[in-house]
Full PDB file with SEQRES, HELIX, SHEET, SSBOND, CRYST1, ORIGX, SCALE, CONECT and MASTER records, all heavy atoms in Angstrom:
SEQRES   1 A   31  LEU LEU THR ALA PRO ASN GLY SER ALA SER ILE ASN GLU          
SEQRES   2 A   31  SER ALA TYR VAL PHE ASN MET ILE ASP LEU PRO ASP GLY          
SEQRES   3 A   31  ARG ALA MET VAL ALA                                          
HELIX    1 AA1 ALA A   15  VAL A   17  5                                   3    
SHEET    1 AA1 2 MET A  20  ASP A  22  0                                        
SHEET    2 AA1 2 ALA A  28  VAL A  30 -1                                        
CRYST1    1.000    1.000    1.000  90.00  90.00  90.00 P 1           1          
ORIGX1      1.000000  0.000000  0.000000        0.00000                         
ORIGX2      0.000000  1.000000  0.000000        0.00000                         
ORIGX3      0.000000  0.000000  1.000000        0.00000                         
SCALE1      1.000000  0.000000  0.000000        0.00000                         
SCALE2      0.000000  1.000000  0.000000        0.00000                         
SCALE3      0.000000  0.000000  1.000000        0.00000                         
ATOM      1  N   LEU A   1      -7.970 -10.596  -1.213  1.00  0.00           N  
ATOM      2  CA  LEU A   1      -6.923 -10.129  -2.109  1.00  0.00           C  
ATOM      3  C   LEU A   1      -7.299  -8.766  -2.680  1.00  0.00           C  
ATOM      4  O   LEU A   1      -8.416  -8.571  -3.162  1.00  0.00           O  
ATOM      5  CB  LEU A   1      -6.722 -11.133  -3.242  1.00  0.00           C  
ATOM      6  CG  LEU A   1      -5.647 -10.795  -4.281  1.00  0.00           C  
ATOM      7  CD1 LEU A   1      -4.272 -10.709  -3.643  1.00  0.00           C  
ATOM      8  CD2 LEU A   1      -5.668 -11.825  -5.410  1.00  0.00           C  
ATOM      9  N   LEU A   2      -6.375  -7.825  -2.626  1.00  0.00           N  
ATOM     10  CA  LEU A   2      -6.611  -6.472  -3.118  1.00  0.00           C  
ATOM     11  C   LEU A   2      -5.799  -6.219  -4.379  1.00  0.00           C  
ATOM     12  O   LEU A   2      -4.788  -6.885  -4.629  1.00  0.00           O  
ATOM     13  CB  LEU A   2      -6.187  -5.443  -2.059  1.00  0.00           C  
ATOM     14  CG  LEU A   2      -6.745  -5.607  -0.641  1.00  0.00           C  
ATOM     15  CD1 LEU A   2      -6.132  -4.546   0.269  1.00  0.00           C  
ATOM     16  CD2 LEU A   2      -8.263  -5.509  -0.640  1.00  0.00           C  
ATOM     17  N   THR A   3      -6.229  -5.256  -5.145  1.00  0.00           N  
ATOM     18  CA  THR A   3      -5.340  -4.727  -6.171  1.00  0.00           C  
ATOM     19  C   THR A   3      -4.230  -3.956  -5.477  1.00  0.00           C  
ATOM     20  O   THR A   3      -4.353  -3.549  -4.320  1.00  0.00           O  
ATOM     21  CB  THR A   3      -6.085  -3.784  -7.133  1.00  0.00           C  
ATOM     22  OG1 THR A   3      -6.669  -2.716  -6.365  1.00  0.00           O  
ATOM     23  CG2 THR A   3      -7.182  -4.504  -7.891  1.00  0.00           C  
ATOM     24  N   ALA A   4      -3.125  -3.755  -6.164  1.00  0.00           N  
ATOM     25  CA  ALA A   4      -2.027  -2.975  -5.609  1.00  0.00           C  
ATOM     26  C   ALA A   4      -2.376  -1.486  -5.681  1.00  0.00           C  
ATOM     27  O   ALA A   4      -3.289  -1.086  -6.425  1.00  0.00           O  
ATOM     28  CB  ALA A   4      -0.746  -3.272  -6.381  1.00  0.00           C  
ATOM     29  N   PRO A   5      -1.670  -0.644  -4.952  1.00  0.00           N  
ATOM     30  CA  PRO A   5      -1.983   0.787  -4.970  1.00  0.00           C  
ATOM     31  C   PRO A   5      -1.974   1.416  -6.359  1.00  0.00           C  
ATOM     32  O   PRO A   5      -2.749   2.343  -6.631  1.00  0.00           O  
ATOM     33  CB  PRO A   5      -0.884   1.396  -4.087  1.00  0.00           C  
ATOM     34  CG  PRO A   5      -0.503   0.300  -3.153  1.00  0.00           C  
ATOM     35  CD  PRO A   5      -0.634  -0.964  -3.946  1.00  0.00           C  
ATOM     36  N   ASN A   6      -1.114   0.902  -7.250  1.00  0.00           N  
ATOM     37  CA  ASN A   6      -1.040   1.476  -8.600  1.00  0.00           C  
ATOM     38  C   ASN A   6      -2.064   0.888  -9.558  1.00  0.00           C  
ATOM     39  O   ASN A   6      -2.039   1.168 -10.752  1.00  0.00           O  
ATOM     40  CB  ASN A   6       0.367   1.308  -9.169  1.00  0.00           C  
ATOM     41  CG  ASN A   6       0.766  -0.150  -9.331  1.00  0.00           C  
ATOM     42  OD1 ASN A   6      -0.020  -1.059  -9.069  1.00  0.00           O  
ATOM     43  ND2 ASN A   6       1.998  -0.383  -9.760  1.00  0.00           N  
ATOM     44  N   GLY A   7      -2.972   0.057  -9.047  1.00  0.00           N  
ATOM     45  CA  GLY A   7      -4.031  -0.500  -9.885  1.00  0.00           C  
ATOM     46  C   GLY A   7      -3.716  -1.833 -10.510  1.00  0.00           C  
ATOM     47  O   GLY A   7      -4.595  -2.462 -11.106  1.00  0.00           O  
ATOM     48  N   SER A   8      -2.489  -2.312 -10.385  1.00  0.00           N  
ATOM     49  CA  SER A   8      -2.114  -3.606 -10.950  1.00  0.00           C  
ATOM     50  C   SER A   8      -2.347  -4.707  -9.921  1.00  0.00           C  
ATOM     51  O   SER A   8      -2.728  -4.449  -8.783  1.00  0.00           O  
ATOM     52  CB  SER A   8      -0.648  -3.579 -11.396  1.00  0.00           C  
ATOM     53  OG  SER A   8       0.194  -3.353 -10.287  1.00  0.00           O  
ATOM     54  N   ALA A   9      -2.103  -5.943 -10.337  1.00  0.00           N  
ATOM     55  CA  ALA A   9      -2.298  -7.061  -9.419  1.00  0.00           C  
ATOM     56  C   ALA A   9      -1.226  -7.100  -8.343  1.00  0.00           C  
ATOM     57  O   ALA A   9      -1.476  -7.536  -7.214  1.00  0.00           O  
ATOM     58  CB  ALA A   9      -2.306  -8.377 -10.199  1.00  0.00           C  
ATOM     59  N   SER A  10      -0.024  -6.652  -8.671  1.00  0.00           N  
ATOM     60  CA  SER A  10       1.092  -6.662  -7.730  1.00  0.00           C  
ATOM     61  C   SER A  10       2.102  -5.617  -8.176  1.00  0.00           C  
ATOM     62  O   SER A  10       1.993  -5.040  -9.269  1.00  0.00           O  
ATOM     63  CB  SER A  10       1.749  -8.045  -7.659  1.00  0.00           C  
ATOM     64  OG  SER A  10       2.297  -8.403  -8.926  1.00  0.00           O  
ATOM     65  N   ILE A  11       3.088  -5.387  -7.336  1.00  0.00           N  
ATOM     66  CA  ILE A  11       4.176  -4.461  -7.654  1.00  0.00           C  
ATOM     67  C   ILE A  11       5.485  -5.236  -7.572  1.00  0.00           C  
ATOM     68  O   ILE A  11       5.740  -5.937  -6.586  1.00  0.00           O  
ATOM     69  CB  ILE A  11       4.192  -3.260  -6.696  1.00  0.00           C  
ATOM     70  CG1 ILE A  11       2.895  -2.441  -6.849  1.00  0.00           C  
ATOM     71  CG2 ILE A  11       5.403  -2.366  -6.961  1.00  0.00           C  
ATOM     72  CD1 ILE A  11       2.787  -1.275  -5.896  1.00  0.00           C  
ATOM     73  N   ASN A  12       6.309  -5.106  -8.577  1.00  0.00           N  
ATOM     74  CA  ASN A  12       7.526  -5.914  -8.666  1.00  0.00           C  
ATOM     75  C   ASN A  12       8.632  -5.356  -7.774  1.00  0.00           C  
ATOM     76  O   ASN A  12       9.694  -4.938  -8.231  1.00  0.00           O  
ATOM     77  CB  ASN A  12       8.004  -6.001 -10.116  1.00  0.00           C  
ATOM     78  CG  ASN A  12       9.078  -7.082 -10.299  1.00  0.00           C  
ATOM     79  OD1 ASN A  12       9.040  -8.105  -9.613  1.00  0.00           O  
ATOM     80  ND2 ASN A  12      10.013  -6.852 -11.207  1.00  0.00           N  
ATOM     81  N   GLU A  13       8.342  -5.332  -6.490  1.00  0.00           N  
ATOM     82  CA  GLU A  13       9.298  -4.923  -5.467  1.00  0.00           C  
ATOM     83  C   GLU A  13       9.138  -5.860  -4.272  1.00  0.00           C  
ATOM     84  O   GLU A  13       8.114  -6.512  -4.113  1.00  0.00           O  
ATOM     85  CB  GLU A  13       9.043  -3.475  -5.009  1.00  0.00           C  
ATOM     86  CG  GLU A  13       9.279  -2.420  -6.081  1.00  0.00           C  
ATOM     87  CD  GLU A  13      10.753  -2.210  -6.398  1.00  0.00           C  
ATOM     88  OE1 GLU A  13      11.609  -2.769  -5.662  1.00  0.00           O  
ATOM     89  OE2 GLU A  13      11.046  -1.496  -7.366  1.00  0.00           O  
ATOM     90  N   SER A  14      10.159  -5.906  -3.424  1.00  0.00           N  
ATOM     91  CA  SER A  14      10.072  -6.679  -2.193  1.00  0.00           C  
ATOM     92  C   SER A  14       9.140  -5.974  -1.209  1.00  0.00           C  
ATOM     93  O   SER A  14       9.039  -4.748  -1.199  1.00  0.00           O  
ATOM     94  CB  SER A  14      11.457  -6.841  -1.576  1.00  0.00           C  
ATOM     95  OG  SER A  14      12.347  -7.463  -2.490  1.00  0.00           O  
ATOM     96  N   ALA A  15       8.503  -6.741  -0.343  1.00  0.00           N  
ATOM     97  CA  ALA A  15       7.520  -6.156   0.568  1.00  0.00           C  
ATOM     98  C   ALA A  15       8.143  -5.189   1.568  1.00  0.00           C  
ATOM     99  O   ALA A  15       7.464  -4.289   2.069  1.00  0.00           O  
ATOM    100  CB  ALA A  15       6.772  -7.266   1.307  1.00  0.00           C  
ATOM    101  N   TYR A  16       9.418  -5.340   1.865  1.00  0.00           N  
ATOM    102  CA  TYR A  16      10.031  -4.492   2.888  1.00  0.00           C  
ATOM    103  C   TYR A  16      10.135  -3.028   2.470  1.00  0.00           C  
ATOM    104  O   TYR A  16      10.367  -2.146   3.314  1.00  0.00           O  
ATOM    105  CB  TYR A  16      11.408  -5.017   3.283  1.00  0.00           C  
ATOM    106  CG  TYR A  16      12.518  -4.733   2.294  1.00  0.00           C  
ATOM    107  CD1 TYR A  16      13.235  -3.549   2.341  1.00  0.00           C  
ATOM    108  CD2 TYR A  16      12.861  -5.669   1.314  1.00  0.00           C  
ATOM    109  CE1 TYR A  16      14.249  -3.280   1.432  1.00  0.00           C  
ATOM    110  CE2 TYR A  16      13.869  -5.415   0.416  1.00  0.00           C  
ATOM    111  CZ  TYR A  16      14.563  -4.226   0.475  1.00  0.00           C  
ATOM    112  OH  TYR A  16      15.564  -3.974  -0.420  1.00  0.00           O  
ATOM    113  N   VAL A  17       9.973  -2.715   1.181  1.00  0.00           N  
ATOM    114  CA  VAL A  17      10.102  -1.316   0.747  1.00  0.00           C  
ATOM    115  C   VAL A  17       8.823  -0.514   0.967  1.00  0.00           C  
ATOM    116  O   VAL A  17       8.804   0.689   0.722  1.00  0.00           O  
ATOM    117  CB  VAL A  17      10.543  -1.215  -0.728  1.00  0.00           C  
ATOM    118  CG1 VAL A  17      11.806  -2.006  -0.980  1.00  0.00           C  
ATOM    119  CG2 VAL A  17       9.432  -1.643  -1.686  1.00  0.00           C  
ATOM    120  N   PHE A  18       7.752  -1.166   1.433  1.00  0.00           N  
ATOM    121  CA  PHE A  18       6.490  -0.463   1.661  1.00  0.00           C  
ATOM    122  C   PHE A  18       6.291  -0.229   3.153  1.00  0.00           C  
ATOM    123  O   PHE A  18       6.549  -1.108   3.968  1.00  0.00           O  
ATOM    124  CB  PHE A  18       5.317  -1.267   1.099  1.00  0.00           C  
ATOM    125  CG  PHE A  18       5.358  -1.427  -0.389  1.00  0.00           C  
ATOM    126  CD1 PHE A  18       5.984  -2.526  -0.961  1.00  0.00           C  
ATOM    127  CD2 PHE A  18       4.784  -0.477  -1.227  1.00  0.00           C  
ATOM    128  CE1 PHE A  18       6.046  -2.681  -2.339  1.00  0.00           C  
ATOM    129  CE2 PHE A  18       4.843  -0.633  -2.606  1.00  0.00           C  
ATOM    130  CZ  PHE A  18       5.472  -1.732  -3.168  1.00  0.00           C  
ATOM    131  N   ASN A  19       5.831   0.957   3.502  1.00  0.00           N  
ATOM    132  CA  ASN A  19       5.454   1.211   4.887  1.00  0.00           C  
ATOM    133  C   ASN A  19       4.122   1.954   4.926  1.00  0.00           C  
ATOM    134  O   ASN A  19       3.686   2.535   3.924  1.00  0.00           O  
ATOM    135  CB  ASN A  19       6.538   1.960   5.660  1.00  0.00           C  
ATOM    136  CG  ASN A  19       6.866   3.310   5.084  1.00  0.00           C  
ATOM    137  OD1 ASN A  19       7.363   3.408   3.966  1.00  0.00           O  
ATOM    138  ND2 ASN A  19       6.610   4.357   5.845  1.00  0.00           N  
ATOM    139  N   MET A  20       3.455   1.894   6.072  1.00  0.00           N  
ATOM    140  CA  MET A  20       2.074   2.376   6.192  1.00  0.00           C  
ATOM    141  C   MET A  20       1.929   3.243   7.439  1.00  0.00           C  
ATOM    142  O   MET A  20       2.725   3.160   8.369  1.00  0.00           O  
ATOM    143  CB  MET A  20       1.105   1.195   6.296  1.00  0.00           C  
ATOM    144  CG  MET A  20       1.193   0.193   5.164  1.00  0.00           C  
ATOM    145  SD  MET A  20       0.087  -1.214   5.437  1.00  0.00           S  
ATOM    146  CE  MET A  20       0.456  -2.207   3.985  1.00  0.00           C  
ATOM    147  N   ILE A  21       0.884   4.061   7.428  1.00  0.00           N  
ATOM    148  CA  ILE A  21       0.520   4.814   8.616  1.00  0.00           C  
ATOM    149  C   ILE A  21      -0.984   5.030   8.623  1.00  0.00           C  
ATOM    150  O   ILE A  21      -1.591   5.241   7.560  1.00  0.00           O  
ATOM    151  CB  ILE A  21       1.268   6.154   8.696  1.00  0.00           C  
ATOM    152  CG1 ILE A  21       1.055   6.802  10.069  1.00  0.00           C  
ATOM    153  CG2 ILE A  21       0.846   7.102   7.592  1.00  0.00           C  
ATOM    154  CD1 ILE A  21       1.989   7.954  10.356  1.00  0.00           C  
ATOM    155  N   ASP A  22      -1.594   4.947   9.810  1.00  0.00           N  
ATOM    156  CA  ASP A  22      -3.017   5.234   9.948  1.00  0.00           C  
ATOM    157  C   ASP A  22      -3.238   6.741   9.987  1.00  0.00           C  
ATOM    158  O   ASP A  22      -2.534   7.464  10.706  1.00  0.00           O  
ATOM    159  CB  ASP A  22      -3.566   4.609  11.226  1.00  0.00           C  
ATOM    160  CG  ASP A  22      -3.787   3.116  11.099  1.00  0.00           C  
ATOM    161  OD1 ASP A  22      -3.470   2.569  10.026  1.00  0.00           O  
ATOM    162  OD2 ASP A  22      -4.262   2.499  12.055  1.00  0.00           O  
ATOM    163  N   LEU A  23      -4.234   7.206   9.239  1.00  0.00           N  
ATOM    164  CA  LEU A  23      -4.577   8.624   9.201  1.00  0.00           C  
ATOM    165  C   LEU A  23      -5.748   8.915  10.133  1.00  0.00           C  
ATOM    166  O   LEU A  23      -6.578   8.038  10.391  1.00  0.00           O  
ATOM    167  CB  LEU A  23      -4.931   9.043   7.770  1.00  0.00           C  
ATOM    168  CG  LEU A  23      -3.837   8.838   6.720  1.00  0.00           C  
ATOM    169  CD1 LEU A  23      -4.372   9.166   5.326  1.00  0.00           C  
ATOM    170  CD2 LEU A  23      -2.613   9.689   7.033  1.00  0.00           C  
ATOM    171  N   PRO A  24      -5.877  10.139  10.624  1.00  0.00           N  
ATOM    172  CA  PRO A  24      -6.986  10.471  11.524  1.00  0.00           C  
ATOM    173  C   PRO A  24      -8.362  10.392  10.883  1.00  0.00           C  
ATOM    174  O   PRO A  24      -9.366  10.337  11.594  1.00  0.00           O  
ATOM    175  CB  PRO A  24      -6.672  11.921  11.939  1.00  0.00           C  
ATOM    176  CG  PRO A  24      -5.211  12.090  11.692  1.00  0.00           C  
ATOM    177  CD  PRO A  24      -4.919  11.230  10.505  1.00  0.00           C  
ATOM    178  N   ASP A  25      -8.427  10.384   9.552  1.00  0.00           N  
ATOM    179  CA  ASP A  25      -9.731  10.334   8.880  1.00  0.00           C  
ATOM    180  C   ASP A  25     -10.218   8.910   8.639  1.00  0.00           C  
ATOM    181  O   ASP A  25     -11.202   8.695   7.931  1.00  0.00           O  
ATOM    182  CB  ASP A  25      -9.680  11.104   7.557  1.00  0.00           C  
ATOM    183  CG  ASP A  25      -8.684  10.516   6.551  1.00  0.00           C  
ATOM    184  OD1 ASP A  25      -8.068   9.473   6.857  1.00  0.00           O  
ATOM    185  OD2 ASP A  25      -8.523  11.103   5.465  1.00  0.00           O  
ATOM    186  N   GLY A  26      -9.539   7.904   9.219  1.00  0.00           N  
ATOM    187  CA  GLY A  26      -9.972   6.524   9.070  1.00  0.00           C  
ATOM    188  C   GLY A  26      -9.365   5.794   7.900  1.00  0.00           C  
ATOM    189  O   GLY A  26      -9.698   4.628   7.656  1.00  0.00           O  
ATOM    190  N   ARG A  27      -8.474   6.436   7.187  1.00  0.00           N  
ATOM    191  CA  ARG A  27      -7.794   5.806   6.058  1.00  0.00           C  
ATOM    192  C   ARG A  27      -6.370   5.430   6.451  1.00  0.00           C  
ATOM    193  O   ARG A  27      -5.921   5.739   7.550  1.00  0.00           O  
ATOM    194  CB  ARG A  27      -7.799   6.747   4.849  1.00  0.00           C  
ATOM    195  CG  ARG A  27      -9.194   7.066   4.321  1.00  0.00           C  
ATOM    196  CD  ARG A  27      -9.143   8.130   3.231  1.00  0.00           C  
ATOM    197  NE  ARG A  27     -10.433   8.323   2.589  1.00  0.00           N  
ATOM    198  CZ  ARG A  27     -11.366   9.160   3.028  1.00  0.00           C  
ATOM    199  NH1 ARG A  27     -11.139   9.895   4.130  1.00  0.00           N  
ATOM    200  NH2 ARG A  27     -12.514   9.295   2.397  1.00  0.00           N  
ATOM    201  N   ALA A  28      -5.663   4.761   5.552  1.00  0.00           N  
ATOM    202  CA  ALA A  28      -4.261   4.419   5.769  1.00  0.00           C  
ATOM    203  C   ALA A  28      -3.458   4.910   4.575  1.00  0.00           C  
ATOM    204  O   ALA A  28      -3.911   4.804   3.427  1.00  0.00           O  
ATOM    205  CB  ALA A  28      -4.079   2.914   5.940  1.00  0.00           C  
ATOM    206  N   MET A  29      -2.276   5.452   4.841  1.00  0.00           N  
ATOM    207  CA  MET A  29      -1.414   5.912   3.756  1.00  0.00           C  
ATOM    208  C   MET A  29      -0.254   4.942   3.587  1.00  0.00           C  
ATOM    209  O   MET A  29       0.293   4.421   4.568  1.00  0.00           O  
ATOM    210  CB  MET A  29      -0.895   7.319   4.034  1.00  0.00           C  
ATOM    211  CG  MET A  29      -0.183   7.936   2.822  1.00  0.00           C  
ATOM    212  SD  MET A  29      -0.076   9.753   2.893  1.00  0.00           S  
ATOM    213  CE  MET A  29       1.147   9.947   4.187  1.00  0.00           C  
ATOM    214  N   VAL A  30       0.101   4.695   2.328  1.00  0.00           N  
ATOM    215  CA  VAL A  30       1.163   3.745   1.990  1.00  0.00           C  
ATOM    216  C   VAL A  30       2.223   4.457   1.163  1.00  0.00           C  
ATOM    217  O   VAL A  30       1.900   5.203   0.233  1.00  0.00           O  
ATOM    218  CB  VAL A  30       0.596   2.543   1.204  1.00  0.00           C  
ATOM    219  CG1 VAL A  30       1.719   1.612   0.763  1.00  0.00           C  
ATOM    220  CG2 VAL A  30      -0.410   1.791   2.052  1.00  0.00           C  
ATOM    221  N   ALA A  31       3.478   4.234   1.526  1.00  0.00           N  
ATOM    222  CA  ALA A  31       4.600   4.803   0.786  1.00  0.00           C  
ATOM    223  C   ALA A  31       5.523   3.684   0.338  1.00  0.00           C  
ATOM    224  O   ALA A  31       5.645   2.653   1.007  1.00  0.00           O  
ATOM    225  CB  ALA A  31       5.362   5.794   1.655  1.00  0.00           C  
TER     226      ALA A  31                                                      
MASTER        0    0    0    1    2    0    0    6  225    1    0    3          
END                                                                             
């Protein structure tokens, strides 16, 4: 279990509003 991107336990939105992409530096970006 991770913290949410904003530092809270969760974000009060549906999961479908988040998308991700792998970055060339080995990280992942979330919008």
